Structures are given as C-alpha cells and as structure tokens.
PDB file of N, CA and C in Angstrom:
ATOM      1  N   MET A   1      12.376  10.876  -1.784  1.00  0.00           N
ATOM      2  CA  MET A   1      12.183  11.817  -2.864  1.00  0.00           C
ATOM      3  C   MET A   1      11.027  11.351  -3.751  1.00  0.00           C
ATOM      4  N   LYS A   2      10.136  12.239  -4.038  1.00  0.00           N
ATOM      5  CA  LYS A   2       8.955  11.893  -4.850  1.00  0.00           C
ATOM      6  C   LYS A   2       9.322  11.729  -6.312  1.00  0.00           C
ATOM      7  N   TRP A   3       8.552  10.882  -6.976  1.00  0.00           N
ATOM      8  CA  TRP A   3       8.659  10.697  -8.412  1.00  0.00           C
ATOM      9  C   TRP A   3       7.656  11.626  -9.081  1.00  0.00           C
ATOM     10  N   GLY A   4       7.960  12.023 -10.314  1.00  0.00           N
ATOM     11  CA  GLY A   4       7.018  12.833 -11.078  1.00  0.00           C
ATOM     12  C   GLY A   4       5.918  11.954 -11.654  1.00  0.00           C
ATOM     13  N   LEU A   5       4.717  12.486 -11.745  1.00  0.00           N
ATOM     14  CA  LEU A   5       3.590  11.755 -12.321  1.00  0.00           C
ATOM     15  C   LEU A   5       3.161  12.417 -13.617  1.00  0.00           C
ATOM     16  N   VAL A   6       3.000  11.603 -14.650  1.00  0.00           N
ATOM     17  CA  VAL A   6       2.435  12.055 -15.916  1.00  0.00           C
ATOM     18  C   VAL A   6       1.197  11.203 -16.135  1.00  0.00           C
ATOM     19  N   ILE A   7       0.053  11.841 -16.262  1.00  0.00           N
ATOM     20  CA  ILE A   7      -1.208  11.112 -16.392  1.00  0.00           C
ATOM     21  C   ILE A   7      -1.686  11.202 -17.831  1.00  0.00           C
ATOM     22  N   ALA A   8      -1.857  10.048 -18.470  1.00  0.00           N
ATOM     23  CA  ALA A   8      -2.302   9.983 -19.862  1.00  0.00           C
ATOM     24  C   ALA A   8      -3.742  10.470 -19.977  1.00  0.00           C
ATOM     25  N   ASN A   9      -4.098  10.939 -21.159  1.00  0.00           N
ATOM     26  CA  ASN A   9      -5.455  11.452 -21.388  1.00  0.00           C
ATOM     27  C   ASN A   9      -6.520  10.412 -21.078  1.00  0.00           C
ATOM     28  N   ARG A  10      -6.257   9.158 -21.408  1.00  0.00           N
ATOM     29  CA  ARG A  10      -7.223   8.090 -21.125  1.00  0.00           C
ATOM     30  C   ARG A  10      -7.535   8.010 -19.632  1.00  0.00           C
ATOM     31  N   ALA A  11      -6.495   8.066 -18.812  1.00  0.00           N
ATOM     32  CA  ALA A  11      -6.681   8.011 -17.362  1.00  0.00           C
ATOM     33  C   ALA A  11      -7.432   9.241 -16.862  1.00  0.00           C
ATOM     34  N   LYS A  12      -7.130  10.402 -17.438  1.00  0.00           N
ATOM     35  CA  LYS A  12      -7.831  11.628 -17.034  1.00  0.00           C
ATOM     36  C   LYS A  12      -9.322  11.537 -17.354  1.00  0.00           C
ATOM     37  N   ARG A  13      -9.646  10.990 -18.530  1.00  0.00           N
ATOM     38  CA  ARG A  13     -11.061  10.846 -18.908  1.00  0.00           C
ATOM     39  C   ARG A  13     -11.789   9.930 -17.937  1.00  0.00           C
ATOM     40  N   HIS A  14     -11.156   8.824 -17.563  1.00  0.00           N
ATOM     41  CA  HIS A  14     -11.797   7.911 -16.621  1.00  0.00           C
ATOM     42  C   HIS A  14     -12.008   8.565 -15.270  1.00  0.00           C
ATOM     43  N   GLN A  15     -11.055   9.355 -14.830  1.00  0.00           N
ATOM     44  CA  GLN A  15     -11.189  10.020 -13.536  1.00  0.00           C
ATOM     45  C   GLN A  15     -12.317  11.036 -13.530  1.00  0.00           C
ATOM     46  N   ARG A  16     -12.517  11.738 -14.625  1.00  0.00           N
ATOM     47  CA  ARG A  16     -13.569  12.752 -14.686  1.00  0.00           C
ATOM     48  C   ARG A  16     -14.957  12.165 -14.505  1.00  0.00           C
ATOM     49  N   ARG A  17     -15.126  10.900 -14.854  1.00  0.00           N
ATOM     50  CA  ARG A  17     -16.439  10.253 -14.770  1.00  0.00           C
ATOM     51  C   ARG A  17     -16.754   9.722 -13.374  1.00  0.00           C
ATOM     52  N   LEU A  18     -15.822   9.807 -12.470  1.00  0.00           N
ATOM     53  CA  LEU A  18     -15.988   9.204 -11.148  1.00  0.00           C
ATOM     54  C   LEU A  18     -16.613  10.173 -10.157  1.00  0.00           C
ATOM     55  N   SER A  19     -17.109   9.594  -9.082  1.00  0.00           N
ATOM     56  CA  SER A  19     -17.634  10.427  -7.994  1.00  0.00           C
ATOM     57  C   SER A  19     -16.463  11.077  -7.251  1.00  0.00           C
ATOM     58  N   ILE A  20     -16.776  12.054  -6.434  1.00  0.00           N
ATOM     59  CA  ILE A  20     -15.739  12.758  -5.677  1.00  0.00           C
ATOM     60  C   ILE A  20     -15.013  11.806  -4.736  1.00  0.00           C
ATOM     61  N   GLU A  21     -15.753  10.916  -4.084  1.00  0.00           N
ATOM     62  CA  GLU A  21     -15.134   9.962  -3.159  1.00  0.00           C
ATOM     63  C   GLU A  21     -14.155   9.046  -3.884  1.00  0.00           C
ATOM     64  N   GLU A  22     -14.547   8.574  -5.059  1.00  0.00           N
ATOM     65  CA  GLU A  22     -13.667   7.692  -5.826  1.00  0.00           C
ATOM     66  C   GLU A  22     -12.424   8.444  -6.294  1.00  0.00           C
ATOM     67  N   ARG A  23     -12.597   9.694  -6.691  1.00  0.00           N
ATOM     68  CA  ARG A  23     -11.442  10.507  -7.104  1.00  0.00           C
ATOM     69  C   ARG A  23     -10.473  10.709  -5.946  1.00  0.00           C
ATOM     70  N   LEU A  24     -11.006  10.924  -4.752  1.00  0.00           N
ATOM     71  CA  LEU A  24     -10.137  11.094  -3.582  1.00  0.00           C
ATOM     72  C   LEU A  24      -9.355   9.825  -3.289  1.00  0.00           C
ATOM     73  N   GLN A  25      -9.999   8.669  -3.419  1.00  0.00           N
ATOM     74  CA  GLN A  25      -9.310   7.391  -3.225  1.00  0.00           C
ATOM     75  C   GLN A  25      -8.167   7.247  -4.228  1.00  0.00           C
ATOM     76  N   ILE A  26      -8.455   7.556  -5.466  1.00  0.00           N
ATOM     77  CA  ILE A  26      -7.442   7.430  -6.516  1.00  0.00           C
ATOM     78  C   ILE A  26      -6.317   8.434  -6.293  1.00  0.00           C
ATOM     79  N   ASP A  27      -6.638   9.648  -5.886  1.00  0.00           N
ATOM     80  CA  ASP A  27      -5.612  10.648  -5.602  1.00  0.00           C
ATOM     81  C   ASP A  27      -4.680  10.184  -4.485  1.00  0.00           C
ATOM     82  N   ARG A  28      -5.251   9.546  -3.459  1.00  0.00           N
ATOM     83  CA  ARG A  28      -4.412   9.005  -2.373  1.00  0.00           C
ATOM     84  C   ARG A  28      -3.487   7.911  -2.895  1.00  0.00           C
ATOM     85  N   ALA A  29      -4.021   7.034  -3.740  1.00  0.00           N
ATOM     86  CA  ALA A  29      -3.207   5.958  -4.310  1.00  0.00           C
ATOM     87  C   ALA A  29      -2.108   6.523  -5.212  1.00  0.00           C
ATOM     88  N   LEU A  30      -2.424   7.550  -5.987  1.00  0.00           N
ATOM     89  CA  LEU A  30      -1.410   8.174  -6.846  1.00  0.00           C
ATOM     90  C   LEU A  30      -0.324   8.843  -6.011  1.00  0.00           C
ATOM     91  N   SER A  31      -0.705   9.428  -4.899  1.00  0.00           N
ATOM     92  CA  SER A  31       0.272  10.033  -3.999  1.00  0.00           C
ATOM     93  C   SER A  31       1.217   8.972  -3.437  1.00  0.00           C
ATOM     94  N   GLU A  32       0.662   7.820  -3.061  1.00  0.00           N
ATOM     95  CA  GLU A  32       1.489   6.724  -2.563  1.00  0.00           C
ATOM     96  C   GLU A  32       2.425   6.210  -3.648  1.00  0.00           C
ATOM     97  N   ILE A  33       1.932   6.131  -4.874  1.00  0.00           N
ATOM     98  CA  ILE A  33       2.778   5.672  -5.982  1.00  0.00           C
ATOM     99  C   ILE A  33       3.922   6.649  -6.220  1.00  0.00           C
ATOM    100  N   SER A  34       3.656   7.946  -6.109  1.00  0.00           N
ATOM    101  CA  SER A  34       4.723   8.927  -6.341  1.00  0.00           C
ATOM    102  C   SER A  34       5.784   8.878  -5.244  1.00  0.00           C
ATOM    103  N   ASP A  35       5.425   8.388  -4.055  1.00  0.00           N
ATOM    104  CA  ASP A  35       6.413   8.203  -2.991  1.00  0.00           C
ATOM    105  C   ASP A  35       7.296   6.994  -3.271  1.00  0.00           C
ATOM    106  N   ASP A  36       6.685   5.873  -3.609  1.00  0.00           N
ATOM    107  CA  ASP A  36       7.412   4.636  -3.896  1.00  0.00           C
ATOM    108  C   ASP A  36       6.583   3.819  -4.884  1.00  0.00           C
ATOM    109  N   PRO A  37       6.942   3.832  -6.163  1.00  0.00           N
ATOM    110  CA  PRO A  37       6.111   3.183  -7.181  1.00  0.00           C
ATOM    111  C   PRO A  37       6.011   1.667  -7.054  1.00  0.00           C
ATOM    112  N   LEU A  38       6.919   1.035  -6.344  1.00  0.00           N
ATOM    113  CA  LEU A  38       6.883  -0.421  -6.234  1.00  0.00           C
ATOM    114  C   LEU A  38       6.319  -0.913  -4.907  1.00  0.00           C
ATOM    115  N   ALA A  39       5.854  -0.005  -4.067  1.00  0.00           N
ATOM    116  CA  ALA A  39       5.268  -0.396  -2.782  1.00  0.00           C
ATOM    117  C   ALA A  39       3.810  -0.783  -2.979  1.00  0.00           C
ATOM    118  N   GLY A  40       3.320  -1.621  -2.103  1.00  0.00           N
ATOM    119  CA  GLY A  40       1.931  -2.043  -2.176  1.00  0.00           C
ATOM    120  C   GLY A  40       1.768  -3.255  -3.077  1.00  0.00           C
ATOM    121  N   ASP A  41       0.572  -3.460  -3.544  1.00  0.00           N
ATOM    122  CA  ASP A  41       0.251  -4.616  -4.389  1.00  0.00           C
ATOM    123  C   ASP A  41       0.521  -4.258  -5.850  1.00  0.00           C
ATOM    124  N   VAL A  42       1.796  -4.328  -6.241  1.00  0.00           N
ATOM    125  CA  VAL A  42       2.230  -3.969  -7.590  1.00  0.00           C
ATOM    126  C   VAL A  42       2.775  -5.207  -8.277  1.00  0.00           C
ATOM    127  N   LYS A  43       2.343  -5.424  -9.516  1.00  0.00           N
ATOM    128  CA  LYS A  43       2.836  -6.555 -10.309  1.00  0.00           C
ATOM    129  C   LYS A  43       3.027  -6.124 -11.750  1.00  0.00           C
ATOM    130  N   PHE A  44       3.983  -6.778 -12.411  1.00  0.00           N
ATOM    131  CA  PHE A  44       4.158  -6.578 -13.845  1.00  0.00           C
ATOM    132  C   PHE A  44       3.046  -7.323 -14.573  1.00  0.00           C
ATOM    133  N   LEU A  45       2.515  -6.722 -15.624  1.00  0.00           N
ATOM    134  CA  LEU A  45       1.478  -7.368 -16.418  1.00  0.00           C
ATOM    135  C   LEU A  45       2.127  -8.300 -17.431  1.00  0.00           C
ATOM    136  N   ARG A  46       1.604  -9.505 -17.525  1.00  0.00           N
ATOM    137  CA  ARG A  46       2.130 -10.472 -18.481  1.00  0.00           C
ATOM    138  C   ARG A  46       1.898  -9.985 -19.906  1.00  0.00           C
ATOM    139  N   GLY A  47       2.845 -10.293 -20.773  1.00  0.00           N
ATOM    140  CA  GLY A  47       2.703  -9.942 -22.179  1.00  0.00           C
ATOM    141  C   GLY A  47       3.010  -8.496 -22.489  1.00  0.00           C
ATOM    142  N   THR A  48       3.558  -7.768 -21.531  1.00  0.00           N
ATOM    143  CA  THR A  48       3.919  -6.368 -21.752  1.00  0.00           C
ATOM    144  C   THR A  48       5.383  -6.181 -21.403  1.00  0.00           C
ATOM    145  N   ARG A  49       5.922  -5.083 -21.811  1.00  0.00           N
ATOM    146  CA  ARG A  49       7.315  -4.773 -21.493  1.00  0.00           C
ATOM    147  C   ARG A  49       7.363  -3.634 -20.487  1.00  0.00           C
ATOM    148  N   GLY A  50       7.401  -3.978 -19.230  1.00  0.00           N
ATOM    149  CA  GLY A  50       7.559  -2.976 -18.192  1.00  0.00           C
ATOM    150  C   GLY A  50       6.298  -2.282 -17.725  1.00  0.00           C
ATOM    151  N   VAL A  51       5.135  -2.762 -18.116  1.00  0.00           N
ATOM    152  CA  VAL A  51       3.889  -2.160 -17.651  1.00  0.00           C
ATOM    153  C   VAL A  51       3.492  -2.833 -16.342  1.00  0.00           C
ATOM    154  N   LEU A  52       3.164  -2.010 -15.354  1.00  0.00           N
ATOM    155  CA  LEU A  52       2.799  -2.524 -14.042  1.00  0.00           C
ATOM    156  C   LEU A  52       1.364  -2.151 -13.726  1.00  0.00           C
ATOM    157  N   ARG A  53       0.826  -2.828 -12.716  1.00  0.00           N
ATOM    158  CA  ARG A  53      -0.476  -2.445 -12.201  1.00  0.00           C
ATOM    159  C   ARG A  53      -0.394  -2.428 -10.692  1.00  0.00           C
ATOM    160  N   ARG A  54      -1.096  -1.476 -10.117  1.00  0.00           N
ATOM    161  CA  ARG A  54      -1.230  -1.429  -8.665  1.00  0.00           C
ATOM    162  C   ARG A  54      -2.687  -1.611  -8.334  1.00  0.00           C
ATOM    163  N   ARG A  55      -2.960  -2.513  -7.431  1.00  0.00           N
ATOM    164  CA  ARG A  55      -4.327  -2.819  -7.029  1.00  0.00           C
ATOM    165  C   ARG A  55      -4.636  -2.096  -5.733  1.00  0.00           C
ATOM    166  N   PHE A  56      -5.811  -1.483  -5.670  1.00  0.00           N
ATOM    167  CA  PHE A  56      -6.326  -0.942  -4.416  1.00  0.00           C
ATOM    168  C   PHE A  56      -7.838  -1.063  -4.474  1.00  0.00           C
ATOM    169  N   GLY A  57      -8.348  -1.971  -3.661  1.00  0.00           N
ATOM    170  CA  GLY A  57      -9.783  -2.263  -3.673  1.00  0.00           C
ATOM    171  C   GLY A  57     -10.203  -2.826  -5.016  1.00  0.00           C
ATOM    172  N   ASP A  58     -11.277  -2.288  -5.576  1.00  0.00           N
ATOM    173  CA  ASP A  58     -11.756  -2.713  -6.888  1.00  0.00           C
ATOM    174  C   ASP A  58     -11.077  -1.959  -8.022  1.00  0.00           C
ATOM    175  N   TRP A  59     -10.142  -1.101  -7.711  1.00  0.00           N
ATOM    176  CA  TRP A  59      -9.506  -0.243  -8.701  1.00  0.00           C
ATOM    177  C   TRP A  59      -8.127  -0.734  -9.074  1.00  0.00           C
ATOM    178  N   ARG A  60      -7.717  -0.411 -10.308  1.00  0.00           N
ATOM    179  CA  ARG A  60      -6.383  -0.739 -10.795  1.00  0.00           C
ATOM    180  C   ARG A  60      -5.780   0.504 -11.428  1.00  0.00           C
ATOM    181  N   ILE A  61      -4.521   0.747 -11.087  1.00  0.00           N
ATOM    182  CA  ILE A  61      -3.756   1.800 -11.744  1.00  0.00           C
ATOM    183  C   ILE A  61      -2.725   1.096 -12.616  1.00  0.00           C
ATOM    184  N   ILE A  62      -2.783   1.362 -13.916  1.00  0.00           N
ATOM    185  CA  ILE A  62      -1.855   0.778 -14.871  1.00  0.00           C
ATOM    186  C   ILE A  62      -0.811   1.850 -15.162  1.00  0.00           C
ATOM    187  N   PHE A  63       0.483   1.500 -14.994  1.00  0.00           N
ATOM    188  CA  PHE A  63       1.511   2.526 -15.150  1.00  0.00           C
ATOM    189  C   PHE A  63       2.833   1.949 -15.632  1.00  0.00           C
ATOM    190  N   GLU A  64       3.703   2.846 -16.092  1.00  0.00           N
ATOM    191  CA  GLU A  64       5.061   2.525 -16.503  1.00  0.00           C
ATOM    192  C   GLU A  64       6.011   3.427 -15.730  1.00  0.00           C
ATOM    193  N   ILE A  65       7.246   2.963 -15.565  1.00  0.00           N
ATOM    194  CA  ILE A  65       8.242   3.721 -14.809  1.00  0.00           C
ATOM    195  C   ILE A  65       9.427   4.045 -15.718  1.00  0.00           C
ATOM    196  N   ASP A  66       9.874   5.299 -15.677  1.00  0.00           N
ATOM    197  CA  ASP A  66      11.116   5.713 -16.320  1.00  0.00           C
ATOM    198  C   ASP A  66      12.092   6.017 -15.190  1.00  0.00           C
ATOM    199  N   ARG A  67      12.928   5.047 -14.875  1.00  0.00           N
ATOM    200  CA  ARG A  67      13.829   5.186 -13.723  1.00  0.00           C
ATOM    201  C   ARG A  67      14.859   6.289 -13.930  1.00  0.00           C
ATOM    202  N   ALA A  68      15.331   6.470 -15.149  1.00  0.00           N
ATOM    203  CA  ALA A  68      16.359   7.472 -15.416  1.00  0.00           C
ATOM    204  C   ALA A  68      15.843   8.885 -15.126  1.00  0.00           C
ATOM    205  N   LYS A  69      14.598   9.159 -15.504  1.00  0.00           N
ATOM    206  CA  LYS A  69      14.019  10.492 -15.305  1.00  0.00           C
ATOM    207  C   LYS A  69      13.192  10.600 -14.031  1.00  0.00           C
ATOM    208  N   ARG A  70      13.011   9.462 -13.330  1.00  0.00           N
ATOM    209  CA  ARG A  70      12.181   9.395 -12.118  1.00  0.00           C
ATOM    210  C   ARG A  70      10.760   9.889 -12.397  1.00  0.00           C
ATOM    211  N   ILE A  71      10.197   9.341 -13.476  1.00  0.00           N
ATOM    212  CA  ILE A  71       8.840   9.704 -13.887  1.00  0.00           C
ATOM    213  C   ILE A  71       7.990   8.441 -13.960  1.00  0.00           C
ATOM    214  N   ILE A  72       6.753   8.566 -13.517  1.00  0.00           N
ATOM    215  CA  ILE A  72       5.775   7.485 -13.602  1.00  0.00           C
ATOM    216  C   ILE A  72       4.697   7.933 -14.572  1.00  0.00           C
ATOM    217  N   LEU A  73       4.474   7.134 -15.615  1.00  0.00           N
ATOM    218  CA  LEU A  73       3.425   7.418 -16.584  1.00  0.00           C
ATOM    219  C   LEU A  73       2.200   6.609 -16.200  1.00  0.00           C
ATOM    220  N   ILE A  74       1.137   7.280 -15.789  1.00  0.00           N
ATOM    221  CA  ILE A  74      -0.120   6.619 -15.453  1.00  0.00           C
ATOM    222  C   ILE A  74      -0.876   6.409 -16.762  1.00  0.00           C
ATOM    223  N   VAL A  75      -0.969   5.162 -17.188  1.00  0.00           N
ATOM    224  CA  VAL A  75      -1.598   4.822 -18.459  1.00  0.00           C
ATOM    225  C   VAL A  75      -3.113   4.786 -18.328  1.00  0.00           C
ATOM    226  N   ASP A  76      -3.595   4.189 -17.234  1.00  0.00           N
ATOM    227  CA  ASP A  76      -5.037   4.049 -17.062  1.00  0.00           C
ATOM    228  C   ASP A  76      -5.369   3.867 -15.590  1.00  0.00           C
ATOM    229  N   VAL A  77      -6.546   4.304 -15.228  1.00  0.00           N
ATOM    230  CA  VAL A  77      -7.118   4.075 -13.901  1.00  0.00           C
ATOM    231  C   VAL A  77      -8.505   3.523 -14.161  1.00  0.00           C
ATOM    232  N   THR A  78      -8.743   2.288 -13.725  1.00  0.00           N
ATOM    233  CA  THR A  78      -9.998   1.646 -14.068  1.00  0.00           C
ATOM    234  C   THR A  78     -10.466   0.719 -12.956  1.00  0.00           C
ATOM    235  N   ARG A  79     -11.752   0.479 -12.936  1.00  0.00           N
ATOM    236  CA  ARG A  79     -12.326  -0.467 -11.984  1.00  0.00           C
ATOM    237  C   ARG A  79     -12.082  -1.878 -12.520  1.00  0.00           C
ATOM    238  N   ARG A  80     -11.765  -2.795 -11.649  1.00  0.00           N
ATOM    239  CA  ARG A  80     -11.471  -4.170 -12.042  1.00  0.00           C
ATOM    240  C   ARG A  80     -12.717  -4.823 -12.590  1.00  0.00           C
ATOM    241  N   ALA A  81     -12.584  -5.412 -13.776  1.00  0.00           N
ATOM    242  CA  ALA A  81     -13.662  -6.159 -14.431  1.00  0.00           C
ATOM    243  C   ALA A  81     -13.013  -7.252 -15.273  1.00  0.00           C
ATOM    244  N   SER A  82     -13.803  -8.055 -15.920  1.00  0.00           N
ATOM    245  CA  SER A  82     -13.257  -9.153 -16.710  1.00  0.00           C
ATOM    246  C   SER A  82     -12.452  -8.661 -17.903  1.00  0.00           C
ATOM    247  N   HIS A  83     -12.663  -7.427 -18.345  1.00  0.00           N
ATOM    248  CA  HIS A  83     -11.955  -6.894 -19.496  1.00  0.00           C
ATOM    249  C   HIS A  83     -10.908  -5.829 -19.122  1.00  0.00           C
ATOM    250  N   THR A  84     -10.533  -5.715 -17.857  1.00  0.00           N
ATOM    251  CA  THR A  84      -9.622  -4.675 -17.410  1.00  0.00           C
ATOM    252  C   THR A  84      -8.259  -4.784 -18.073  1.00  0.00           C
ATOM    253  N   TYR A  85      -7.695  -5.976 -18.120  1.00  0.00           N
ATOM    254  CA  TYR A  85      -6.357  -6.130 -18.698  1.00  0.00           C
ATOM    255  C   TYR A  85      -6.514  -6.539 -20.118  1.00  0.00           C
TER     256      TYR A  85
END
C-alpha cells in the first residue's frame, strides 16, 4: 500500500530549478519512497527528531514520516554539498 506524499514549498522550489532529467530522477525516487519509506539508503539525521534522509546519487531527499496517517512529508530535495545538512 502506498504512502501519501506531501511536498513542502521549499522542496517544490528546488525541483522547479532542475533540468527535466533531474526532475525525472527525483520523481522516481519519490515514487520508491511512497512504496516503502525506509527502503534504500535511508538514515535518521543526527540532532533531529525523526527527520530522515534518503540518498540517491548526488541527491538527498529530506523527509519525515507520520506513521499513524501514512503520510510522508518531503521537507527538501537538494544536491549533496558541504552545507546540505
């Protein structure tokens, strides 16, 4: 059963600036997250309460999970850099 996705405005703004190929990559990763949010290279971020990141290539999806409502809040989608976290 798929999880619902809620994408924050910050993540939407970052996606709009990307090329079509990069958007397609991110859309595939978001689809995989909605199938199983803990599959793949997912880790909890230190110093946060329940915020996770999923790594795919040079990209990171920062998200939170509401298990009761089966909703995933996509906080940010960004390219990995020294200031990403």
